[in-house]
């Protein structure tokens, strides 16, 4: 295999194996930063050796064994604390015993016993509320998404140095706060799970509708969030909200191809070619929603949003959309998780179900809401409703205001185009 193809294969292996590798090492050494360093050391060795030897039969086991050997080397240099030395010393004895047979295969089996728990621990640690939202997103993309610092910087539209510092500080904060590498229990588990779901949802949303830059979407971020959502659903099968989030991401992702037209121009929901919606993702999303509902109890915020997305997914045409049900679901969501953004979406649903005047009445009550003062979608929604009511001059002003507020170039162009279309001849 040519070196370039080998390097691409190594990159693909790393994206898949990095979370499991770091999770397993973190359990052994008790330090998230050290676990990542050891995993990176193993990657460097792979980049040096695999182009010559070819990919091993089980690359994940090879990386884990190599990383553990690196950890043992550090022990011998007295870098690790005594507690960690004892733990890894026992692990060394295990490796020496297993080496008499098929060492790597046996090691993979031994390491795999707790891999689900390890991944769950890693997810809860990376998304710990002691970290800022920005730090949680960056650390999750690094440890669970397998992204490089440069890739995270591009995704977050921040300088690479800023992201590097953010990640270093996040790991230092976790160490200084003595955050245990474990899955919380009881009431703390529910609170921490909310943080985990929020981080995955934020990653997806930034990919689905980029807040800034030239591109309308960043599909790679959506793919990372989808993968994280699926992993979490496998690890926590009894959590309805986990399935609700996974379902929401699947259904939203099903529209990605239809949301962009020629030259990257945004395409609004009612103008999308629904034949381009991904039916496999729709079926996955509907199945995940069914699992969430089957677990019983009151639907949480993500499951409710998923139920809304399902109404769109089931409609063959825009006219077939059950907007009355969507409006009712937004009413329930506003009760379950009240926020100005939910109310704005509820205004859109009311307008579609009962006419633009009904939607505008609710949207007008949000104009003094502090959280929406710089939110471009508020004037964008008002502009659309005013235009449908024939109040064209007011609508044009709202679209121009929305364009001035957004930092996304593609969206700004669309809003200005809508404003120009309302200009008098």
Protein backbone atom coordinates (compact mmCIF):
# COMPACT_ATOMS: atom_id res chain seq x y z
CA UNK A 1 0.00 0.00 0.00
CA UNK A 2 1.45 3.44 -0.95
CA UNK A 3 2.50 5.61 1.99
CA UNK A 4 -0.23 8.18 1.28
CA UNK A 5 -2.93 5.48 1.40
CA UNK A 6 -1.43 4.08 4.61
CA UNK A 7 -1.54 7.50 6.24
CA UNK A 8 -5.19 7.91 5.24
CA UNK A 9 -5.93 4.48 6.68
CA UNK A 10 -4.14 5.41 9.90
CA UNK A 11 -6.19 8.60 10.13
CA UNK A 12 -9.40 6.59 9.72
CA UNK A 13 -8.28 4.07 12.35
CA UNK A 14 -7.40 6.90 14.73
CA UNK A 15 -10.83 8.53 14.40
CA UNK A 16 -12.45 5.22 15.29
CA UNK A 17 -10.07 3.98 17.95
CA UNK A 18 -8.98 7.21 19.71
CA UNK A 19 -11.98 7.47 22.08
CA UNK A 20 -11.70 3.82 23.19
CA UNK A 21 -7.93 4.08 23.49
CA UNK A 22 -7.97 7.26 25.60
CA UNK A 23 -10.85 5.94 27.70
CA UNK A 24 -9.06 2.68 28.50
CA UNK A 25 -5.81 4.47 29.31
CA UNK A 26 -7.56 7.03 31.51
CA UNK A 27 -8.99 4.20 33.58
CA UNK A 28 -5.50 2.77 34.05
CA UNK A 29 -3.54 5.94 34.79
CA UNK A 30 -6.28 8.05 36.37
CA UNK A 31 -5.25 11.18 34.47
CA UNK A 32 -7.04 12.36 31.33
CA UNK A 33 -4.15 14.50 30.10
CA UNK A 34 -1.62 11.70 30.54
CA UNK A 35 -3.98 9.24 28.84
CA UNK A 36 -4.17 11.46 25.77
CA UNK A 37 -0.38 11.92 25.74
CA UNK A 38 0.12 8.15 25.81
CA UNK A 39 -2.44 7.67 23.02
CA UNK A 40 -0.70 10.31 20.92
CA UNK A 41 2.65 8.59 21.53
CA UNK A 42 1.15 5.36 20.19
CA UNK A 43 -0.15 7.21 17.13
CA UNK A 44 3.29 8.66 16.40
CA UNK A 45 4.83 5.19 16.58
CA UNK A 46 2.11 3.86 14.26
CA UNK A 47 2.85 6.63 11.76
CA UNK A 48 6.49 5.61 11.83
CA UNK A 49 6.03 1.84 11.59
CA UNK A 50 2.82 1.06 9.73
CA UNK A 51 3.88 2.55 6.38
CA UNK A 52 6.68 -0.06 6.40
CA UNK A 53 4.98 -3.03 8.06
CA UNK A 54 1.42 -2.43 6.95
CA UNK A 55 -1.61 -2.09 9.22
CA UNK A 56 -1.79 -4.80 11.91
CA UNK A 57 -4.69 -7.23 11.89
CA UNK A 58 -6.18 -5.51 14.96
CA UNK A 59 -4.94 -1.91 14.94
CA UNK A 60 -6.89 -0.93 18.05
CA UNK A 61 -5.22 -3.63 20.13
CA UNK A 62 -1.83 -2.67 18.67
CA UNK A 63 -2.32 0.97 19.67
CA UNK A 64 -3.48 0.00 23.17
CA UNK A 65 -0.54 -2.32 23.73
CA UNK A 66 1.91 0.29 22.47
CA UNK A 67 0.39 3.00 24.66
CA UNK A 68 0.57 0.73 27.70
CA UNK A 69 4.22 0.00 27.02
CA UNK A 70 4.82 3.75 26.87
CA UNK A 71 3.08 4.12 30.22
CA UNK A 72 5.26 1.40 31.70
CA UNK A 73 8.35 3.19 30.38
CA UNK A 74 7.23 6.28 32.23
CA UNK A 75 6.82 4.27 35.40
CA UNK A 76 10.38 3.08 35.13
CA UNK A 77 11.48 6.70 34.90
CA UNK A 78 9.53 7.45 38.08
CA UNK A 79 7.24 9.93 36.39
CA UNK A 80 3.98 8.46 37.63
CA UNK A 81 2.76 8.44 41.20
CA UNK A 82 3.12 5.34 43.36
CA UNK A 83 -0.55 4.45 43.11
CA UNK A 84 -0.45 4.45 39.33
CA UNK A 85 2.83 2.50 39.34
CA UNK A 86 1.23 -0.31 41.30
CA UNK A 87 -1.79 -0.45 39.00
CA UNK A 88 0.23 -0.46 35.80
CA UNK A 89 2.81 -2.80 37.31
CA UNK A 90 0.08 -5.41 37.66
CA UNK A 91 -0.94 -4.69 34.09
CA UNK A 92 2.66 -5.33 32.96
CA UNK A 93 2.59 -8.75 34.62
CA UNK A 94 -0.65 -9.51 32.79
CA UNK A 95 0.88 -8.51 29.45
CA UNK A 96 3.96 -10.69 30.07
CA UNK A 97 1.76 -13.70 30.84
CA UNK A 98 -0.46 -13.14 27.80
CA UNK A 99 2.54 -12.64 25.52
CA UNK A 100 3.23 -16.38 25.68
CA UNK A 101 0.17 -16.89 23.51
CA UNK A 102 -1.29 -14.44 21.02
CA UNK A 103 -0.43 -11.40 23.13
CA UNK A 104 -2.18 -8.65 21.20
CA UNK A 105 -5.39 -10.59 20.66
CA UNK A 106 -5.56 -11.59 24.31
CA UNK A 107 -4.76 -8.04 25.39
CA UNK A 108 -7.58 -6.70 23.23
CA UNK A 109 -9.98 -9.15 24.87
CA UNK A 110 -8.83 -8.11 28.33
CA UNK A 111 -9.04 -4.42 27.50
CA UNK A 112 -12.44 -4.80 25.88
CA UNK A 113 -14.19 -6.07 28.97
CA UNK A 114 -14.76 -2.57 30.32
CA UNK A 115 -14.64 -0.57 27.10
CA UNK A 116 -18.31 0.45 27.27
CA UNK A 117 -17.90 1.71 30.81
CA UNK A 118 -14.65 3.41 29.88
CA UNK A 119 -16.25 5.31 26.99
CA UNK A 120 -19.11 6.36 29.21
CA UNK A 121 -16.65 7.61 31.83
CA UNK A 122 -14.77 9.55 29.16
CA UNK A 123 -17.95 11.19 27.85
CA UNK A 124 -19.06 12.27 31.31
CA UNK A 125 -15.58 13.54 32.17
CA UNK A 126 -15.08 15.57 28.98
CA UNK A 127 -18.53 17.14 29.43
CA UNK A 128 -18.16 17.90 33.14
CA UNK A 129 -19.99 21.11 34.17
CA UNK A 130 -16.85 22.37 35.95
CA UNK A 131 -15.70 23.31 32.43
CA UNK A 132 -17.09 26.17 30.35
CA UNK A 133 -19.34 25.25 27.45
CA UNK A 134 -16.60 26.18 24.96
CA UNK A 135 -14.09 24.00 26.81
CA UNK A 136 -16.49 21.05 26.93
CA UNK A 137 -17.09 21.26 23.19
CA UNK A 138 -13.38 21.50 22.36
CA UNK A 139 -12.39 18.68 24.71
CA UNK A 140 -15.19 16.42 23.46
CA UNK A 141 -14.21 16.98 19.83
CA UNK A 142 -10.60 16.23 20.73
CA UNK A 143 -11.06 13.15 22.90
CA UNK A 144 -14.23 11.62 21.47
CA UNK A 145 -14.26 13.04 17.96
CA UNK A 146 -10.60 12.35 17.32
CA UNK A 147 -10.15 15.80 15.76
CA UNK A 148 -6.81 17.58 15.72
CA UNK A 149 -6.41 21.00 17.29
CA UNK A 150 -6.34 22.55 13.81
CA UNK A 151 -9.59 20.81 12.83
CA UNK A 152 -11.32 21.96 16.02
CA UNK A 153 -10.08 25.51 15.41
CA UNK A 154 -11.59 25.48 11.92
CA UNK A 155 -14.85 24.05 13.26
CA UNK A 156 -15.07 26.65 16.04
CA UNK A 157 -13.77 29.50 13.87
CA UNK A 158 -11.12 30.28 16.45
CA UNK A 159 -7.32 30.59 16.25
CA UNK A 160 -5.51 27.28 16.66
CA UNK A 161 -3.54 28.68 19.61
CA UNK A 162 -6.79 29.60 21.36
CA UNK A 163 -8.18 26.09 20.96
CA UNK A 164 -4.89 24.54 22.13
CA UNK A 165 -4.96 26.69 25.26
CA UNK A 166 -8.62 25.89 25.82
CA UNK A 167 -7.93 22.15 25.73
CA UNK A 168 -4.87 22.40 27.98
CA UNK A 169 -6.80 24.51 30.51
CA UNK A 170 -9.74 22.09 30.40
CA UNK A 171 -7.54 19.13 31.27
CA UNK A 172 -5.79 21.16 33.98
CA UNK A 173 -9.16 22.22 35.42
CA UNK A 174 -10.34 18.62 35.58
CA UNK A 175 -7.11 17.58 37.32
CA UNK A 176 -7.17 20.47 39.81
CA UNK A 177 -10.84 19.86 40.60
CA UNK A 178 -10.00 16.18 41.11
CA UNK A 179 -12.88 15.18 38.86
CA UNK A 180 -13.10 11.38 39.16
CA UNK A 181 -12.99 9.31 36.00
CA UNK A 182 -16.37 7.69 36.59
CA UNK A 183 -20.02 7.68 35.62
CA UNK A 184 -21.97 9.59 38.29
CA UNK A 185 -24.88 7.98 40.06
CA UNK A 186 -28.21 9.12 41.44
CA UNK A 187 -29.36 12.74 41.03
CA UNK A 188 -25.90 13.83 39.88
CA UNK A 189 -26.11 11.44 36.94
CA UNK A 190 -29.25 13.15 35.59
CA UNK A 191 -27.68 16.60 35.95
CA UNK A 192 -24.45 15.53 34.31
CA UNK A 193 -26.29 13.70 31.52
CA UNK A 194 -27.98 16.99 30.62
CA UNK A 195 -24.51 18.50 30.13
CA UNK A 196 -23.42 15.60 27.92
CA UNK A 197 -26.51 15.87 25.72
CA UNK A 198 -26.10 19.65 25.48
CA UNK A 199 -22.51 19.35 24.25
CA UNK A 200 -23.39 16.81 21.55
CA UNK A 201 -26.36 18.94 20.47
CA UNK A 202 -24.22 22.09 20.32
CA UNK A 203 -21.68 20.31 18.12
CA UNK A 204 -24.44 19.17 15.77
CA UNK A 205 -26.10 22.58 15.61
CA UNK A 206 -22.84 24.31 14.72
CA UNK A 207 -22.53 21.89 11.84
CA UNK A 208 -26.19 22.18 10.82
CA UNK A 209 -26.32 25.99 10.80
CA UNK A 210 -22.87 27.53 11.17
CA UNK A 211 -22.91 30.67 13.28
CA UNK A 212 -20.22 32.39 11.21
CA UNK A 213 -17.99 32.04 8.19
CA UNK A 214 -18.65 31.52 4.51
CA UNK A 215 -20.30 28.08 4.67
CA UNK A 216 -23.97 27.59 5.46
CA UNK A 217 -23.21 24.21 7.08
CA UNK A 218 -20.28 22.12 8.31
CA UNK A 219 -21.40 18.52 7.65
CA UNK A 220 -18.28 17.02 9.28
CA UNK A 221 -19.39 18.39 12.65
CA UNK A 222 -22.85 16.90 12.13
CA UNK A 223 -21.21 13.53 11.44
CA UNK A 224 -19.14 13.79 14.63
CA UNK A 225 -22.23 14.59 16.69
CA UNK A 226 -24.19 11.77 15.05
CA UNK A 227 -21.45 9.31 15.93
CA UNK A 228 -21.35 10.53 19.53
CA UNK A 229 -25.13 10.33 19.81
CA UNK A 230 -25.14 6.76 18.50
CA UNK A 231 -22.36 5.73 20.90
CA UNK A 232 -24.24 7.22 23.84
CA UNK A 233 -27.47 5.48 22.82
CA UNK A 234 -25.66 2.14 22.77
CA UNK A 235 -24.04 2.79 26.14
CA UNK A 236 -27.20 4.08 27.87
CA UNK A 237 -30.08 2.09 26.31
CA UNK A 238 -32.49 2.78 29.18
CA UNK A 239 -32.30 6.59 28.96
CA UNK A 240 -35.22 7.95 26.94
CA UNK A 241 -33.65 11.38 26.43
CA UNK A 242 -30.50 9.81 25.01
CA UNK A 243 -32.62 8.08 22.36
CA UNK A 244 -34.54 11.34 21.91
CA UNK A 245 -31.34 13.22 21.11
CA UNK A 246 -30.04 10.47 18.84
CA UNK A 247 -33.36 10.46 16.99
CA UNK A 248 -33.37 14.25 16.65
CA UNK A 249 -29.88 14.26 15.16
CA UNK A 250 -30.72 11.47 12.70
CA UNK A 251 -33.85 13.27 11.46
CA UNK A 252 -32.17 16.66 11.21
CA UNK A 253 -29.18 15.14 9.42
CA UNK A 254 -31.51 13.51 6.89
CA UNK A 255 -32.10 16.96 5.36
CA UNK A 256 -28.46 18.01 5.00
CA UNK A 257 -28.15 17.35 1.26
CA UNK A 258 -31.34 19.28 0.53
CA UNK A 259 -30.42 22.33 2.62
CA UNK A 260 -27.82 23.60 0.16
CA UNK A 261 -28.41 24.58 -3.44
CA UNK A 262 -26.01 25.54 -6.24
CA UNK A 263 -22.93 27.47 -5.12
CA UNK A 264 -23.70 26.65 -1.49
CA UNK A 265 -26.85 28.78 -1.34
CA UNK A 266 -29.13 27.99 1.64
CA UNK A 267 -32.45 26.34 0.81
CA UNK A 268 -35.32 26.90 3.25
CA UNK A 269 -37.35 23.96 4.53
CA UNK A 270 -40.45 24.48 2.40
CA UNK A 271 -38.32 24.93 -0.73
CA UNK A 272 -36.27 21.76 -0.26
CA UNK A 273 -36.41 18.85 -2.68
CA UNK A 274 -37.67 16.18 -0.30
CA UNK A 275 -36.56 13.44 -2.66
CA UNK A 276 -33.04 14.36 -1.52
CA UNK A 277 -33.84 13.67 2.13
CA UNK A 278 -31.95 10.60 3.35
CA UNK A 279 -34.57 7.92 3.96
CA UNK A 280 -32.16 5.66 5.87
CA UNK A 281 -31.49 8.41 8.41
CA UNK A 282 -35.22 9.11 8.65
CA UNK A 283 -35.92 5.46 9.43
CA UNK A 284 -33.13 5.43 12.02
CA UNK A 285 -34.55 8.57 13.60
CA UNK A 286 -38.11 7.27 13.74
CA UNK A 287 -36.88 3.99 15.25
CA UNK A 288 -34.92 5.90 17.93
CA UNK A 289 -38.00 8.01 18.70
CA UNK A 290 -40.03 4.82 19.09
CA UNK A 291 -37.44 3.51 21.57
CA UNK A 292 -37.64 6.75 23.56
CA UNK A 293 -41.44 6.58 23.68
CA UNK A 294 -41.40 2.86 24.58
CA UNK A 295 -39.39 3.59 27.72
CA UNK A 296 -42.43 5.44 29.06
CA UNK A 297 -42.72 8.55 31.16
CA UNK A 298 -42.99 12.16 30.09
CA UNK A 299 -41.08 13.04 26.93
CA UNK A 300 -38.09 15.26 27.59
CA UNK A 301 -36.99 18.31 25.55
CA UNK A 302 -34.97 16.33 23.00
CA UNK A 303 -37.67 13.73 22.46
CA UNK A 304 -40.24 16.52 21.98
CA UNK A 305 -38.01 18.22 19.41
CA UNK A 306 -37.57 14.85 17.75
CA UNK A 307 -41.34 14.42 17.58
CA UNK A 308 -41.49 17.79 15.81
CA UNK A 309 -38.76 16.74 13.36
CA UNK A 310 -40.70 13.50 12.77
CA UNK A 311 -43.73 15.52 11.61
CA UNK A 312 -41.58 17.06 8.90
CA UNK A 313 -39.94 13.73 8.02
CA UNK A 314 -43.30 12.02 7.50
CA UNK A 315 -44.68 14.77 5.25
CA UNK A 316 -44.16 13.98 1.56
CA UNK A 317 -44.84 17.60 0.64
CA UNK A 318 -44.73 20.89 2.58
CA UNK A 319 -48.52 21.08 2.34
CA UNK A 320 -48.86 17.67 4.04
CA UNK A 321 -47.04 18.85 7.16
CA UNK A 322 -49.17 18.57 10.31
CA UNK A 323 -48.51 22.09 11.57
CA UNK A 324 -51.26 21.92 14.16
CA UNK A 325 -49.51 18.97 15.82
CA UNK A 326 -46.16 20.78 15.57
CA UNK A 327 -47.68 23.83 17.28
CA UNK A 328 -49.04 21.60 20.04
CA UNK A 329 -45.65 19.95 20.48
CA UNK A 330 -44.00 23.38 20.76
CA UNK A 331 -46.58 24.27 23.43
CA UNK A 332 -45.50 21.15 25.34
CA UNK A 333 -41.83 21.99 24.80
CA UNK A 334 -42.38 25.53 26.09
CA UNK A 335 -43.84 24.02 29.26
CA UNK A 336 -41.08 21.43 29.61
CA UNK A 337 -38.09 23.63 28.71
CA UNK A 338 -39.19 27.27 28.42
CA UNK A 339 -36.91 29.59 26.46
CA UNK A 340 -37.28 32.58 24.10
CA UNK A 341 -35.93 30.49 21.21
CA UNK A 342 -38.61 27.85 21.78
CA UNK A 343 -41.22 30.62 21.77
CA UNK A 344 -39.85 31.96 18.49
CA UNK A 345 -40.12 28.53 16.91
CA UNK A 346 -43.61 28.24 18.37
CA UNK A 347 -44.51 31.51 16.63
CA UNK A 348 -43.45 30.01 13.29
CA UNK A 349 -45.55 26.90 13.95
CA UNK A 350 -48.58 28.99 14.92
CA UNK A 351 -48.21 31.02 11.73
CA UNK A 352 -48.10 27.90 9.59
CA UNK A 353 -51.04 26.29 11.40
CA UNK A 354 -53.32 29.28 11.98
CA UNK A 355 -52.06 32.12 9.80
CA UNK A 356 -49.26 34.73 9.91
CA UNK A 357 -51.17 37.08 12.22
CA UNK A 358 -51.23 34.43 14.98
CA UNK A 359 -47.49 33.90 14.64
CA UNK A 360 -46.66 37.60 14.51
CA UNK A 361 -48.64 38.26 17.68
CA UNK A 362 -46.36 35.90 19.60
CA UNK A 363 -43.18 37.03 17.81
CA UNK A 364 -43.93 40.67 18.69
CA UNK A 365 -43.93 39.80 22.39
CA UNK A 366 -40.31 38.67 22.04
CA UNK A 367 -38.85 41.92 20.67
CA UNK A 368 -37.89 43.14 24.13
CA UNK A 369 -36.49 39.79 25.24
CA UNK A 370 -32.83 40.44 26.25
CA UNK A 371 -31.66 37.02 25.10
CA UNK A 372 -32.90 37.72 21.55
CA UNK A 373 -31.62 41.27 21.09
CA UNK A 374 -28.77 40.13 18.82
CA UNK A 375 -30.42 36.95 17.56
CA UNK A 376 -30.82 37.35 13.81
CA UNK A 377 -33.63 34.81 13.51
CA UNK A 378 -36.07 37.01 15.43
CA UNK A 379 -36.12 39.79 12.78
CA UNK A 380 -35.89 37.11 10.06
CA UNK A 381 -39.06 35.45 11.34
CA UNK A 382 -40.83 38.77 11.78
CA UNK A 383 -39.78 39.75 8.27
CA UNK A 384 -41.29 36.59 6.83
CA UNK A 385 -44.57 37.02 8.71
CA UNK A 386 -44.85 40.72 7.86
CA UNK A 387 -44.26 39.92 4.18
CA UNK A 388 -47.03 37.30 4.25
CA UNK A 389 -49.34 39.95 5.71
CA UNK A 390 -48.48 42.39 2.92
CA UNK A 391 -46.55 44.81 5.17
CA UNK A 392 -43.65 44.88 2.75
CA UNK A 393 -41.73 47.96 3.92
CA UNK A 394 -41.65 46.67 7.50
CA UNK A 395 -40.67 43.21 6.29
CA UNK A 396 -37.81 44.62 4.22
CA UNK A 397 -36.45 46.49 7.23
CA UNK A 398 -36.59 43.32 9.33
CA UNK A 399 -34.70 41.27 6.73
CA UNK A 400 -32.03 43.99 6.52
CA UNK A 401 -31.71 44.01 10.30
CA UNK A 402 -31.41 40.21 10.37
CA UNK A 403 -28.70 40.36 7.69
CA UNK A 404 -26.75 42.85 9.77
CA UNK A 405 -26.90 40.60 12.83
CA UNK A 406 -25.81 37.28 11.30
CA UNK A 407 -22.12 36.40 10.99
CA UNK A 408 -22.74 33.71 8.38
CA UNK A 409 -22.02 35.00 4.89
CA UNK A 410 -24.34 32.57 3.07
CA UNK A 411 -27.26 33.36 5.35
CA UNK A 412 -26.57 37.09 5.11
CA UNK A 413 -26.71 36.89 1.31
CA UNK A 414 -30.06 35.07 1.46
CA UNK A 415 -31.56 37.64 3.85
CA UNK A 416 -30.40 40.58 1.73
CA UNK A 417 -31.84 38.90 -1.36
CA UNK A 418 -35.19 38.57 0.39
CA UNK A 419 -35.03 42.23 1.38
CA UNK A 420 -34.28 43.31 -2.21
CA UNK A 421 -37.20 41.23 -3.48
CA UNK A 422 -39.51 43.42 -1.40
CA UNK A 423 -38.10 46.69 -2.71
CA UNK A 424 -40.48 48.88 -4.75
CA UNK A 425 -39.84 48.85 -8.50
